[in-house]
Each structure stands twice: as C-alpha cells, then as structure tokens.
PDB file of all heavy atoms in Angstrom:
ATOM      1  N   ASP A   1      88.787  83.693 113.512  1.00  0.00           N
ATOM      2  CA  ASP A   1      87.375  83.411 113.824  1.00  0.00           C
ATOM      3  C   ASP A   1      87.275  83.257 115.388  1.00  0.00           C
ATOM      4  O   ASP A   1      87.840  82.342 115.979  1.00  0.00           O
ATOM      5  CB  ASP A   1      86.946  82.138 113.202  1.00  0.00           C
ATOM      6  CG  ASP A   1      85.457  81.792 113.462  1.00  0.00           C
ATOM      7  OD1 ASP A   1      84.805  82.531 114.283  1.00  0.00           O
ATOM      8  OD2 ASP A   1      84.946  80.831 112.886  1.00  0.00           O
ATOM      9  N   PRO A   2      86.517  84.141 116.057  1.00  0.00           N
ATOM     10  CA  PRO A   2      86.447  84.071 117.544  1.00  0.00           C
ATOM     11  C   PRO A   2      85.627  82.962 118.025  1.00  0.00           C
ATOM     12  O   PRO A   2      85.574  82.759 119.292  1.00  0.00           O
ATOM     13  CB  PRO A   2      85.783  85.469 117.867  1.00  0.00           C
ATOM     14  CG  PRO A   2      85.010  85.806 116.623  1.00  0.00           C
ATOM     15  CD  PRO A   2      85.767  85.320 115.480  1.00  0.00           C
ATOM     16  N   LYS A   3      84.946  82.226 117.214  1.00  0.00           N
ATOM     17  CA  LYS A   3      84.162  81.111 117.642  1.00  0.00           C
ATOM     18  C   LYS A   3      84.829  79.746 117.425  1.00  0.00           C
ATOM     19  O   LYS A   3      84.294  78.709 117.774  1.00  0.00           O
ATOM     20  CB  LYS A   3      82.793  81.077 116.909  1.00  0.00           C
ATOM     21  CG  LYS A   3      81.954  82.326 117.171  1.00  0.00           C
ATOM     22  CD  LYS A   3      80.636  82.262 116.359  1.00  0.00           C
ATOM     23  CE  LYS A   3      79.847  83.498 116.650  1.00  0.00           C
ATOM     24  NZ  LYS A   3      78.546  83.490 115.907  1.00  0.00           N
ATOM     25  N   ASP A   4      86.086  79.815 116.922  1.00  0.00           N
ATOM     26  CA  ASP A   4      86.801  78.591 116.560  1.00  0.00           C
ATOM     27  C   ASP A   4      88.049  78.443 117.402  1.00  0.00           C
ATOM     28  O   ASP A   4      89.041  79.037 117.092  1.00  0.00           O
ATOM     29  CB  ASP A   4      87.137  78.647 115.030  1.00  0.00           C
ATOM     30  CG  ASP A   4      87.786  77.290 114.613  1.00  0.00           C
ATOM     31  OD1 ASP A   4      88.215  76.429 115.401  1.00  0.00           O
ATOM     32  OD2 ASP A   4      87.875  77.137 113.331  1.00  0.00           O
ATOM     33  N   PRO A   5      87.902  77.662 118.509  1.00  0.00           N
ATOM     34  CA  PRO A   5      89.144  77.513 119.379  1.00  0.00           C
ATOM     35  C   PRO A   5      90.275  76.885 118.681  1.00  0.00           C
ATOM     36  O   PRO A   5      91.451  77.220 118.945  1.00  0.00           O
ATOM     37  CB  PRO A   5      88.637  76.609 120.480  1.00  0.00           C
ATOM     38  CG  PRO A   5      87.413  75.866 119.923  1.00  0.00           C
ATOM     39  CD  PRO A   5      86.831  76.807 119.003  1.00  0.00           C
ATOM     40  N   GLY A   6      90.097  75.978 117.689  1.00  0.00           N
ATOM     41  CA  GLY A   6      91.188  75.439 116.970  1.00  0.00           C
ATOM     42  C   GLY A   6      91.916  76.434 116.126  1.00  0.00           C
ATOM     43  O   GLY A   6      93.154  76.420 116.083  1.00  0.00           O
ATOM     44  N   ALA A   7      91.200  77.336 115.491  1.00  0.00           N
ATOM     45  CA  ALA A   7      91.808  78.413 114.682  1.00  0.00           C
ATOM     46  C   ALA A   7      92.616  79.321 115.573  1.00  0.00           C
ATOM     47  O   ALA A   7      93.738  79.771 115.210  1.00  0.00           O
ATOM     48  CB  ALA A   7      90.717  79.160 113.954  1.00  0.00           C
ATOM     49  N   MET A   8      92.067  79.651 116.758  1.00  0.00           N
ATOM     50  CA  MET A   8      92.809  80.555 117.667  1.00  0.00           C
ATOM     51  C   MET A   8      94.077  79.853 118.193  1.00  0.00           C
ATOM     52  O   MET A   8      95.160  80.516 118.266  1.00  0.00           O
ATOM     53  CB  MET A   8      91.916  80.960 118.832  1.00  0.00           C
ATOM     54  CG  MET A   8      90.855  82.008 118.348  1.00  0.00           C
ATOM     55  SD  MET A   8      89.803  82.608 119.717  1.00  0.00           S
ATOM     56  CE  MET A   8      88.566  81.346 119.739  1.00  0.00           C
ATOM     57  N   ALA A   9      93.986  78.596 118.520  1.00  0.00           N
ATOM     58  CA  ALA A   9      95.136  77.873 119.043  1.00  0.00           C
ATOM     59  C   ALA A   9      96.160  77.779 117.928  1.00  0.00           C
ATOM     60  O   ALA A   9      97.427  77.914 118.210  1.00  0.00           O
ATOM     61  CB  ALA A   9      94.720  76.523 119.484  1.00  0.00           C
ATOM     62  N   ALA A  10      95.726  77.529 116.704  1.00  0.00           N
ATOM     63  CA  ALA A  10      96.667  77.463 115.572  1.00  0.00           C
ATOM     64  C   ALA A  10      97.395  78.824 115.328  1.00  0.00           C
ATOM     65  O   ALA A  10      98.579  78.836 115.048  1.00  0.00           O
ATOM     66  CB  ALA A  10      95.943  77.019 114.322  1.00  0.00           C
ATOM     67  N   TYR A  11      96.686  79.891 115.473  1.00  0.00           N
ATOM     68  CA  TYR A  11      97.328  81.209 115.379  1.00  0.00           C
ATOM     69  C   TYR A  11      98.435  81.422 116.401  1.00  0.00           C
ATOM     70  O   TYR A  11      99.468  81.812 116.108  1.00  0.00           O
ATOM     71  CB  TYR A  11      96.293  82.397 115.486  1.00  0.00           C
ATOM     72  CG  TYR A  11      96.945  83.695 115.258  1.00  0.00           C
ATOM     73  CD1 TYR A  11      97.173  84.234 114.042  1.00  0.00           C
ATOM     74  CD2 TYR A  11      97.359  84.449 116.377  1.00  0.00           C
ATOM     75  CE1 TYR A  11      97.753  85.489 113.832  1.00  0.00           C
ATOM     76  CE2 TYR A  11      97.965  85.672 116.199  1.00  0.00           C
ATOM     77  CZ  TYR A  11      98.149  86.187 114.931  1.00  0.00           C
ATOM     78  OH  TYR A  11      98.793  87.398 114.721  1.00  0.00           O
ATOM     79  N   GLN A  12      98.071  81.035 117.664  1.00  0.00           N
ATOM     80  CA  GLN A  12      99.076  81.101 118.728  1.00  0.00           C
ATOM     81  C   GLN A  12     100.350  80.298 118.408  1.00  0.00           C
ATOM     82  O   GLN A  12     101.441  80.770 118.660  1.00  0.00           O
ATOM     83  CB  GLN A  12      98.435  80.699 120.044  1.00  0.00           C
ATOM     84  CG  GLN A  12      97.362  81.713 120.567  1.00  0.00           C
ATOM     85  CD  GLN A  12      96.635  81.130 121.712  1.00  0.00           C
ATOM     86  OE1 GLN A  12      95.488  81.581 122.009  1.00  0.00           O
ATOM     87  NE2 GLN A  12      97.153  80.171 122.447  1.00  0.00           N
ATOM     88  N   ARG A  13     100.110  79.078 117.936  1.00  0.00           N
ATOM     89  CA  ARG A  13     101.270  78.210 117.647  1.00  0.00           C
ATOM     90  C   ARG A  13     102.063  78.692 116.465  1.00  0.00           C
ATOM     91  O   ARG A  13     103.242  78.519 116.417  1.00  0.00           O
ATOM     92  CB  ARG A  13     100.768  76.815 117.442  1.00  0.00           C
ATOM     93  CG  ARG A  13     100.203  75.995 118.660  1.00  0.00           C
ATOM     94  CD  ARG A  13     100.007  74.519 118.367  1.00  0.00           C
ATOM     95  NE  ARG A  13      99.099  74.291 117.273  1.00  0.00           N
ATOM     96  CZ  ARG A  13      97.747  74.167 117.515  1.00  0.00           C
ATOM     97  NH1 ARG A  13      97.276  74.185 118.791  1.00  0.00           N
ATOM     98  NH2 ARG A  13      96.945  73.883 116.501  1.00  0.00           N
ATOM     99  N   GLY A  14     101.402  79.304 115.553  1.00  0.00           N
ATOM    100  CA  GLY A  14     102.079  79.729 114.345  1.00  0.00           C
ATOM    101  C   GLY A  14     102.665  81.093 114.375  1.00  0.00           C
ATOM    102  O   GLY A  14     103.296  81.547 113.381  1.00  0.00           O
ATOM    103  N   HIS A  15     102.373  81.893 115.416  1.00  0.00           N
ATOM    104  CA  HIS A  15     102.857  83.265 115.429  1.00  0.00           C
ATOM    105  C   HIS A  15     103.517  83.532 116.822  1.00  0.00           C
ATOM    106  O   HIS A  15     102.977  83.098 117.867  1.00  0.00           O
ATOM    107  CB  HIS A  15     101.671  84.253 115.288  1.00  0.00           C
ATOM    108  CG  HIS A  15     101.097  84.116 113.869  1.00  0.00           C
ATOM    109  ND1 HIS A  15     100.147  83.135 113.592  1.00  0.00           N
ATOM    110  CD2 HIS A  15     101.231  84.873 112.727  1.00  0.00           C
ATOM    111  CE1 HIS A  15      99.759  83.204 112.337  1.00  0.00           C
ATOM    112  NE2 HIS A  15     100.402  84.281 111.772  1.00  0.00           N
ATOM    113  N   ASP A  16     104.563  84.291 116.791  1.00  0.00           N
ATOM    114  CA  ASP A  16     105.303  84.610 118.039  1.00  0.00           C
ATOM    115  C   ASP A  16     105.146  86.108 118.360  1.00  0.00           C
ATOM    116  O   ASP A  16     104.965  86.920 117.436  1.00  0.00           O
ATOM    117  CB  ASP A  16     106.804  84.254 117.966  1.00  0.00           C
ATOM    118  CG  ASP A  16     107.073  82.815 117.774  1.00  0.00           C
ATOM    119  OD1 ASP A  16     106.309  81.987 118.372  1.00  0.00           O
ATOM    120  OD2 ASP A  16     107.967  82.437 117.051  1.00  0.00           O
ATOM    121  N   ILE A  17     105.186  86.430 119.671  1.00  0.00           N
ATOM    122  CA  ILE A  17     105.392  87.793 120.081  1.00  0.00           C
ATOM    123  C   ILE A  17     106.841  88.029 120.230  1.00  0.00           C
ATOM    124  O   ILE A  17     107.480  87.364 121.018  1.00  0.00           O
ATOM    125  CB  ILE A  17     104.630  88.023 121.410  1.00  0.00           C
ATOM    126  CG1 ILE A  17     103.119  87.672 121.301  1.00  0.00           C
ATOM    127  CG2 ILE A  17     104.828  89.522 121.847  1.00  0.00           C
ATOM    128  CD1 ILE A  17     102.388  87.703 122.681  1.00  0.00           C
ATOM    129  N   GLU A  18     107.369  88.911 119.413  1.00  0.00           N
ATOM    130  CA  GLU A  18     108.800  89.137 119.410  1.00  0.00           C
ATOM    131  C   GLU A  18     109.442  89.375 120.823  1.00  0.00           C
ATOM    132  O   GLU A  18     110.486  88.882 121.129  1.00  0.00           O
ATOM    133  CB  GLU A  18     109.094  90.349 118.540  1.00  0.00           C
ATOM    134  CG  GLU A  18     110.586  90.713 118.445  1.00  0.00           C
ATOM    135  CD  GLU A  18     110.874  91.960 117.615  1.00  0.00           C
ATOM    136  OE1 GLU A  18     109.845  92.541 117.118  1.00  0.00           O
ATOM    137  OE2 GLU A  18     111.995  92.426 117.564  1.00  0.00           O
ATOM    138  N   GLY A  19     108.675  90.090 121.608  1.00  0.00           N
ATOM    139  CA  GLY A  19     109.206  90.487 122.964  1.00  0.00           C
ATOM    140  C   GLY A  19     108.874  89.578 124.104  1.00  0.00           C
ATOM    141  O   GLY A  19     109.119  89.884 125.242  1.00  0.00           O
ATOM    142  N   VAL A  20     108.322  88.390 123.779  1.00  0.00           N
ATOM    143  CA  VAL A  20     107.983  87.384 124.862  1.00  0.00           C
ATOM    144  C   VAL A  20     108.485  86.029 124.404  1.00  0.00           C
ATOM    145  O   VAL A  20     107.979  85.417 123.481  1.00  0.00           O
ATOM    146  CB  VAL A  20     106.526  87.331 125.158  1.00  0.00           C
ATOM    147  CG1 VAL A  20     106.258  86.415 126.312  1.00  0.00           C
ATOM    148  CG2 VAL A  20     105.915  88.661 125.468  1.00  0.00           C
ATOM    149  N   ARG A  21     109.593  85.522 125.067  1.00  0.00           N
ATOM    150  CA  ARG A  21     110.157  84.294 124.670  1.00  0.00           C
ATOM    151  C   ARG A  21     110.460  83.418 125.811  1.00  0.00           C
ATOM    152  O   ARG A  21     110.967  83.880 126.911  1.00  0.00           O
ATOM    153  CB  ARG A  21     111.436  84.616 123.897  1.00  0.00           C
ATOM    154  CG  ARG A  21     112.166  83.415 123.256  1.00  0.00           C
ATOM    155  CD  ARG A  21     113.267  83.846 122.343  1.00  0.00           C
ATOM    156  NE  ARG A  21     114.346  84.555 123.008  1.00  0.00           N
ATOM    157  CZ  ARG A  21     115.377  83.951 123.551  1.00  0.00           C
ATOM    158  NH1 ARG A  21     115.523  82.569 123.417  1.00  0.00           N
ATOM    159  NH2 ARG A  21     116.332  84.609 124.144  1.00  0.00           N
ATOM    160  N   ALA A  22     110.248  82.087 125.654  1.00  0.00           N
ATOM    161  CA  ALA A  22     110.762  81.121 126.618  1.00  0.00           C
ATOM    162  C   ALA A  22     112.150  80.659 126.230  1.00  0.00           C
ATOM    163  O   ALA A  22     112.300  79.933 125.197  1.00  0.00           O
ATOM    164  CB  ALA A  22     109.799  79.955 126.752  1.00  0.00           C
ATOM    165  N   LYS A  23     113.152  80.994 126.972  1.00  0.00           N
ATOM    166  CA  LYS A  23     114.543  80.633 126.711  1.00  0.00           C
ATOM    167  C   LYS A  23     114.680  79.154 126.922  1.00  0.00           C
ATOM    168  O   LYS A  23     115.362  78.378 126.192  1.00  0.00           O
ATOM    169  CB  LYS A  23     115.489  81.437 127.488  1.00  0.00           C
ATOM    170  CG  LYS A  23     117.001  81.180 127.201  1.00  0.00           C
ATOM    171  CD  LYS A  23     117.817  82.067 128.051  1.00  0.00           C
ATOM    172  CE  LYS A  23     119.284  81.892 127.803  1.00  0.00           C
ATOM    173  NZ  LYS A  23     120.152  82.774 128.635  1.00  0.00           N
ATOM    174  N   ASP A  24     114.081  78.659 128.004  1.00  0.00           N
ATOM    175  CA  ASP A  24     113.980  77.232 128.252  1.00  0.00           C
ATOM    176  C   ASP A  24     112.782  77.045 129.202  1.00  0.00           C
ATOM    177  O   ASP A  24     111.939  78.022 129.424  1.00  0.00           O
ATOM    178  CB  ASP A  24     115.224  76.715 129.020  1.00  0.00           C
ATOM    179  CG  ASP A  24     115.655  77.526 130.242  1.00  0.00           C
ATOM    180  OD1 ASP A  24     114.807  77.810 131.070  1.00  0.00           O
ATOM    181  OD2 ASP A  24     116.856  77.899 130.323  1.00  0.00           O
ATOM    182  N   ASP A  25     112.606  75.880 129.801  1.00  0.00           N
ATOM    183  CA  ASP A  25     111.327  75.636 130.541  1.00  0.00           C
ATOM    184  C   ASP A  25     111.196  76.509 131.809  1.00  0.00           C
ATOM    185  O   ASP A  25     110.095  76.837 132.252  1.00  0.00           O
ATOM    186  CB  ASP A  25     111.347  74.206 131.044  1.00  0.00           C
ATOM    187  CG  ASP A  25     110.908  73.220 129.924  1.00  0.00           C
ATOM    188  OD1 ASP A  25     110.428  73.708 128.810  1.00  0.00           O
ATOM    189  OD2 ASP A  25     110.872  71.995 130.160  1.00  0.00           O
ATOM    190  N   ARG A  26     112.297  77.120 132.301  1.00  0.00           N
ATOM    191  CA  ARG A  26     112.268  77.872 133.514  1.00  0.00           C
ATOM    192  C   ARG A  26     112.777  79.271 133.277  1.00  0.00           C
ATOM    193  O   ARG A  26     112.953  80.028 134.306  1.00  0.00           O
ATOM    194  CB  ARG A  26     113.081  77.222 134.647  1.00  0.00           C
ATOM    195  CG  ARG A  26     112.475  75.871 135.111  1.00  0.00           C
ATOM    196  CD  ARG A  26     113.212  75.332 136.308  1.00  0.00           C
ATOM    197  NE  ARG A  26     113.282  76.319 137.375  1.00  0.00           N
ATOM    198  CZ  ARG A  26     114.362  76.414 138.254  1.00  0.00           C
ATOM    199  NH1 ARG A  26     115.284  75.544 138.202  1.00  0.00           N
ATOM    200  NH2 ARG A  26     114.399  77.290 139.179  1.00  0.00           N
TER     201      ARG A  26
END
C-alpha cells in the first residue's frame, strides 16, 4: 500500500536485496 508508511517500512525490514548487504556498520 503506497499510502501506508508502516506497511512500506515493514516490507523493507522483512525483505532483503540479495546484492546489497551491510557486512558491519562500516
């Protein structure tokens, strides 16, 4: 839902982009 910031944030937290990863904080 493009009008629901909570739903968008939840999608981001629950799904990863395989090719973009934080190995550590830096």
